[in-house]
Each structure stands twice: as C-alpha cells, then as structure tokens.
Amino acid sequence: MQIPLAALTALESLVNPLIRQLSAQGSLTSARLAQLQGSWFEIGVLPWGMKVYLQVTEEGLFFQRHLEDRADAWIETTPQAYLKMATSANSQEVLFGPEVAIGGDTQKLEWLQELLAALGLDAGDVLTRLAGPLPVASIQAGLGQLLGWGRRASAAAQQDLKDYLEDETGILPGQNSLHLLEDGLEELRLDVDRLEARVGLLEAATKKQAGES
C-alpha cells in the first residue's frame, strides 16, 4: 500500500508557501531550511507499513514514494503522532516519545520538527487540505465509516488474541491485554470526534458564507 500522490501534493501545497514566506523574513525557518538542504528522510506510517521519502531543498519540502539512496534519517509512527508533531507546541515530546521510532541522524529530525513547528500549522487546516475537494457531507459520511471500522477492527483483534492464546497456550487473555485494545479503540474514537467537530465548524462556516452571498 502506498500513500496517494494527491495527499502528498496537498501537503506540499500547504507547507511550502509558508516556508517561503517565513524564509523571506529571515526567521528560524530560514536557518533550519539551510541546515537541512539536501537531506532525505524516510517516513513510515503505522500500522499500514506505508513509506514515503521527504527531500528538503531551498524551495521547501518535497515527497517521493521511492528513493534509491539511503535516507539521512528515518522515523516511523502513526498518523496521529505525525499530526501532533506538525501542529503541537510540545512536538519534541512526541518526537522522542515511546510511540515514535527514529534512527539515523536524529539531529536532522529535530531540525525538521523545529522547521514544521515554526510554520504554526493548524490541525484542522491539515485535515481539510488532505480531504481535498470532497463535499462536507461526504467527509461526514466517511467519519461514520471510520468509526465503524475502528469498532470492527478492535473486536476482531480481541477475538484473534483470544483464539491465539487458547490455541497456543490453553489460557484466556488477561484483562490487561484486553484493556490495551480497548484503549486503542478509545483513542480512535476521540480522534474521530475531534475531526467530526472540525467538519461541523467547516459546514457551519460554509452555510454562513452562502447566506451572506
């Protein structure tokens, strides 16, 4: 499975104008961009095992789905963690947190994180840009499908774990294992709730704008 090119292009179109604007002002962005110029990063997305490669140039950040040479540094974590790193004021805590795996030149990863943090990205803007030209109604319908998938995936994972332990060890899974799965589902529900709230705000703003015009 590969990340859609449309999603990568949407990210580039969101980030690079901000980078160029801030670089022209001689801010931290300009210094970090100079330090990272020519660097390559391997970005892995869990739990799907997808990878994409990020190149830093004097013009900004550019994504590719293949890289022949070795990346300067690599990072692997969930989409939620990437979103936090790009939009949170405490993004370094996420970068070096237990849910993120990193390697290679970690100093460059820190500089990349500082570069993104300096852009002041908003989580809602990122999600909206990735949603592309889809109507708000379609996004809302997708939220229900996502939540339903999360429930089914969690239930299937619990049953798989139970079946495995019964077959291999003759014991039932302990409550701690089930609690971990339940915690994962609850985190997914919270993420969907936040996205649904954002979509609701976008829908309200769209209706208000239509009424004024």
Protein backbone atom coordinates (compact mmCIF):
# COMPACT_ATOMS: atom_id res chain seq x y z
CA MET A 1 0.00 0.00 0.00
CA GLN A 2 1.27 3.47 -0.92
CA ILE A 3 0.29 6.95 0.19
CA PRO A 4 -1.78 8.62 -2.60
CA LEU A 5 0.14 11.17 -4.63
CA ALA A 6 -2.77 13.59 -4.25
CA ALA A 7 -2.28 13.58 -0.47
CA LEU A 8 1.45 14.26 -0.80
CA THR A 9 0.83 17.08 -3.26
CA ALA A 10 -1.75 18.59 -0.90
CA LEU A 11 0.78 18.61 1.94
CA GLU A 12 3.41 20.25 -0.26
CA SER A 13 0.97 22.95 -1.37
CA LEU A 14 0.11 23.67 2.27
CA VAL A 15 3.61 23.72 3.73
CA ASN A 16 5.86 25.20 1.05
CA PRO A 17 4.19 28.62 0.64
CA LEU A 18 4.51 29.09 4.41
CA ILE A 19 8.16 28.05 4.32
CA ARG A 20 8.95 30.52 1.53
CA GLN A 21 7.09 33.33 3.27
CA LEU A 22 8.85 32.81 6.61
CA SER A 23 12.23 32.25 4.97
CA ALA A 24 11.96 35.62 3.26
CA GLN A 25 11.54 37.19 6.70
CA GLY A 26 14.86 35.74 7.92
CA SER A 27 13.25 33.71 10.70
CA LEU A 28 14.23 30.40 12.30
CA THR A 29 12.65 28.76 9.27
CA SER A 30 15.37 30.15 7.01
CA ALA A 31 18.17 28.84 9.26
CA ARG A 32 16.66 25.37 9.60
CA LEU A 33 16.00 25.18 5.85
CA ALA A 34 19.66 25.97 5.17
CA GLN A 35 20.83 23.32 7.65
CA LEU A 36 18.54 20.68 6.14
CA GLN A 37 19.06 21.48 2.47
CA GLY A 38 19.77 18.30 0.51
CA SER A 39 18.64 16.00 3.34
CA TRP A 40 16.40 12.97 2.83
CA PHE A 41 14.05 11.47 5.39
CA GLU A 42 12.33 8.11 5.33
CA ILE A 43 8.85 8.40 6.83
CA GLY A 44 7.00 5.24 7.82
CA VAL A 45 3.29 5.21 8.64
CA LEU A 46 1.94 2.69 11.15
CA PRO A 47 0.08 0.39 11.29
CA TRP A 48 -0.09 0.07 7.50
CA GLY A 49 3.65 -0.18 6.83
CA MET A 50 3.49 2.61 4.23
CA LYS A 51 6.66 4.61 3.48
CA VAL A 52 7.34 7.89 1.79
CA TYR A 53 10.55 9.89 1.37
CA LEU A 54 10.89 13.58 2.15
CA GLN A 55 13.50 15.78 0.48
CA VAL A 56 14.44 19.21 1.81
CA THR A 57 15.53 21.78 -0.78
CA GLU A 58 15.93 25.54 -0.79
CA GLU A 59 12.40 25.69 -2.21
CA GLY A 60 10.79 23.67 0.59
CA LEU A 61 9.74 20.10 1.31
CA PHE A 62 9.00 17.57 -1.41
CA PHE A 63 7.75 13.99 -1.18
CA GLN A 64 8.66 10.96 -3.26
CA ARG A 65 7.43 7.39 -3.00
CA HIS A 66 10.78 5.83 -3.95
CA LEU A 67 14.41 6.52 -3.04
CA GLU A 68 17.43 4.72 -4.46
CA ASP A 69 19.95 6.12 -2.00
CA ARG A 70 19.90 5.81 1.78
CA ALA A 71 17.99 8.43 3.76
CA ASP A 72 19.83 10.62 6.27
CA ALA A 73 17.32 9.74 8.98
CA TRP A 74 14.13 7.75 9.41
CA ILE A 75 11.03 7.96 11.55
CA GLU A 76 8.06 5.62 11.97
CA THR A 77 4.85 6.26 13.87
CA THR A 78 1.09 6.69 13.50
CA PRO A 79 -0.72 9.42 11.51
CA GLN A 80 -1.99 10.86 14.82
CA ALA A 81 1.58 11.30 16.10
CA TYR A 82 2.69 12.96 12.85
CA LEU A 83 -0.21 15.39 13.13
CA LYS A 84 0.77 16.21 16.71
CA MET A 85 4.41 16.77 15.73
CA ALA A 86 3.38 19.16 12.97
CA THR A 87 0.89 21.19 14.99
CA SER A 88 1.69 20.87 18.71
CA ALA A 89 3.74 23.33 20.74
CA ASN A 90 5.26 20.36 22.60
CA SER A 91 6.06 18.43 19.44
CA GLN A 92 9.53 17.39 20.65
CA GLU A 93 7.88 15.38 23.40
CA VAL A 94 6.05 13.48 20.68
CA LEU A 95 9.19 13.05 18.55
CA PHE A 96 11.07 11.39 21.41
CA GLY A 97 8.01 9.68 22.88
CA PRO A 98 7.52 5.92 23.21
CA GLU A 99 5.15 5.70 20.25
CA VAL A 100 7.74 7.05 17.80
CA ALA A 101 10.70 5.09 16.41
CA ILE A 102 13.60 7.09 14.94
CA GLY A 103 17.09 6.43 13.62
CA GLY A 104 19.94 7.83 11.56
CA ASP A 105 20.88 11.49 12.02
CA THR A 106 18.41 12.37 14.78
CA GLN A 107 19.77 15.93 14.92
CA LYS A 108 18.31 16.49 11.46
CA LEU A 109 15.00 15.08 12.66
CA GLU A 110 15.00 17.67 15.45
CA TRP A 111 15.69 20.44 12.96
CA LEU A 112 12.91 19.17 10.71
CA GLN A 113 10.50 19.13 13.64
CA GLU A 114 11.52 22.70 14.58
CA LEU A 115 11.01 23.78 10.98
CA LEU A 116 7.47 22.39 10.95
CA ALA A 117 6.68 23.81 14.39
CA ALA A 118 7.76 27.28 13.23
CA LEU A 119 5.13 27.19 10.48
CA GLY A 120 2.29 27.31 13.02
CA LEU A 121 0.22 24.70 11.21
CA ASP A 122 -3.34 24.11 12.36
CA ALA A 123 -4.58 20.52 12.65
CA GLY A 124 -7.88 21.47 11.07
CA ASP A 125 -6.16 23.09 8.09
CA VAL A 126 -4.06 19.97 7.54
CA LEU A 127 -7.06 17.66 7.69
CA THR A 128 -9.12 19.95 5.47
CA ARG A 129 -6.37 20.11 2.85
CA LEU A 130 -5.98 16.33 2.87
CA ALA A 131 -9.74 15.96 2.47
CA GLY A 132 -9.35 17.73 -0.87
CA PRO A 133 -12.38 18.73 -2.91
CA LEU A 134 -14.74 16.26 -1.20
CA PRO A 135 -18.05 17.81 -0.09
CA VAL A 136 -18.51 18.22 3.65
CA ALA A 137 -21.34 15.68 3.57
CA SER A 138 -19.01 13.08 2.09
CA ILE A 139 -16.44 13.70 4.81
CA GLN A 140 -19.10 13.33 7.50
CA ALA A 141 -20.23 10.04 5.96
CA GLY A 142 -16.63 8.88 5.96
CA LEU A 143 -16.34 9.62 9.67
CA GLY A 144 -19.11 7.14 10.42
CA GLN A 145 -17.41 4.54 8.27
CA LEU A 146 -14.08 5.17 10.03
CA LEU A 147 -15.59 4.77 13.47
CA GLY A 148 -17.40 1.61 12.39
CA TRP A 149 -14.15 0.23 11.01
CA GLY A 150 -12.41 1.02 14.30
CA ARG A 151 -15.03 -0.89 16.27
CA ARG A 152 -14.81 -3.87 13.93
CA ALA A 153 -11.01 -3.86 13.93
CA SER A 154 -10.86 -3.75 17.73
CA ALA A 155 -13.41 -6.55 18.10
CA ALA A 156 -11.55 -8.67 15.54
CA ALA A 157 -8.22 -8.04 17.27
CA GLN A 158 -9.66 -9.07 20.62
CA GLN A 159 -11.07 -12.27 19.13
CA ASP A 160 -7.82 -13.07 17.30
CA LEU A 161 -5.84 -12.61 20.51
CA LYS A 162 -8.28 -14.79 22.44
CA ASP A 163 -8.18 -17.52 19.78
CA TYR A 164 -4.39 -17.45 19.61
CA LEU A 165 -3.90 -17.76 23.34
CA GLU A 166 -6.45 -20.53 23.57
CA ASP A 167 -4.80 -22.47 20.73
CA GLU A 168 -1.18 -21.90 21.69
CA THR A 169 -1.22 -21.79 25.46
CA GLY A 170 -4.60 -23.05 26.52
CA ILE A 171 -5.34 -19.91 28.51
CA LEU A 172 -7.63 -16.96 28.11
CA PRO A 173 -6.21 -13.46 27.54
CA GLY A 174 -5.76 -11.43 30.66
CA GLN A 175 -7.66 -8.24 31.27
CA ASN A 176 -4.51 -6.16 30.70
CA SER A 177 -4.33 -7.31 27.06
CA LEU A 178 -7.98 -6.50 26.52
CA HIS A 179 -7.60 -3.12 28.18
CA LEU A 180 -4.77 -2.22 25.77
CA LEU A 181 -7.03 -2.97 22.83
CA GLU A 182 -9.89 -1.02 24.38
CA ASP A 183 -7.57 1.95 24.98
CA GLY A 184 -6.58 1.89 21.30
CA LEU A 185 -10.23 1.95 20.25
CA GLU A 186 -11.00 4.79 22.65
CA GLU A 187 -8.14 6.85 21.21
CA LEU A 188 -9.53 6.27 17.72
CA ARG A 189 -12.99 7.39 18.89
CA LEU A 190 -11.54 10.59 20.36
CA ASP A 191 -9.63 11.35 17.14
CA VAL A 192 -12.79 10.84 15.08
CA ASP A 193 -14.80 13.03 17.47
CA ARG A 194 -12.26 15.85 17.08
CA LEU A 195 -12.32 15.56 13.30
CA GLU A 196 -16.13 15.47 13.29
CA ALA A 197 -16.23 18.65 15.38
CA ARG A 198 -13.88 20.35 12.92
CA VAL A 199 -16.03 19.29 9.97
CA GLY A 200 -19.08 20.67 11.78
CA LEU A 201 -17.36 24.04 12.11
CA LEU A 202 -16.45 23.99 8.43
CA GLU A 203 -20.03 23.17 7.48
CA ALA A 204 -21.38 26.00 9.64
CA ALA A 205 -18.89 28.44 8.11
CA THR A 206 -19.85 27.31 4.62
CA LYS A 207 -23.57 27.83 5.29
CA LYS A 208 -22.92 31.24 6.82
CA GLN A 209 -20.85 32.31 3.82
CA ALA A 210 -23.54 31.07 1.43
CA GLY A 211 -26.18 33.05 3.35
CA GLU A 212 -24.16 36.24 3.18
CA SER A 213 -23.55 35.95 -0.57
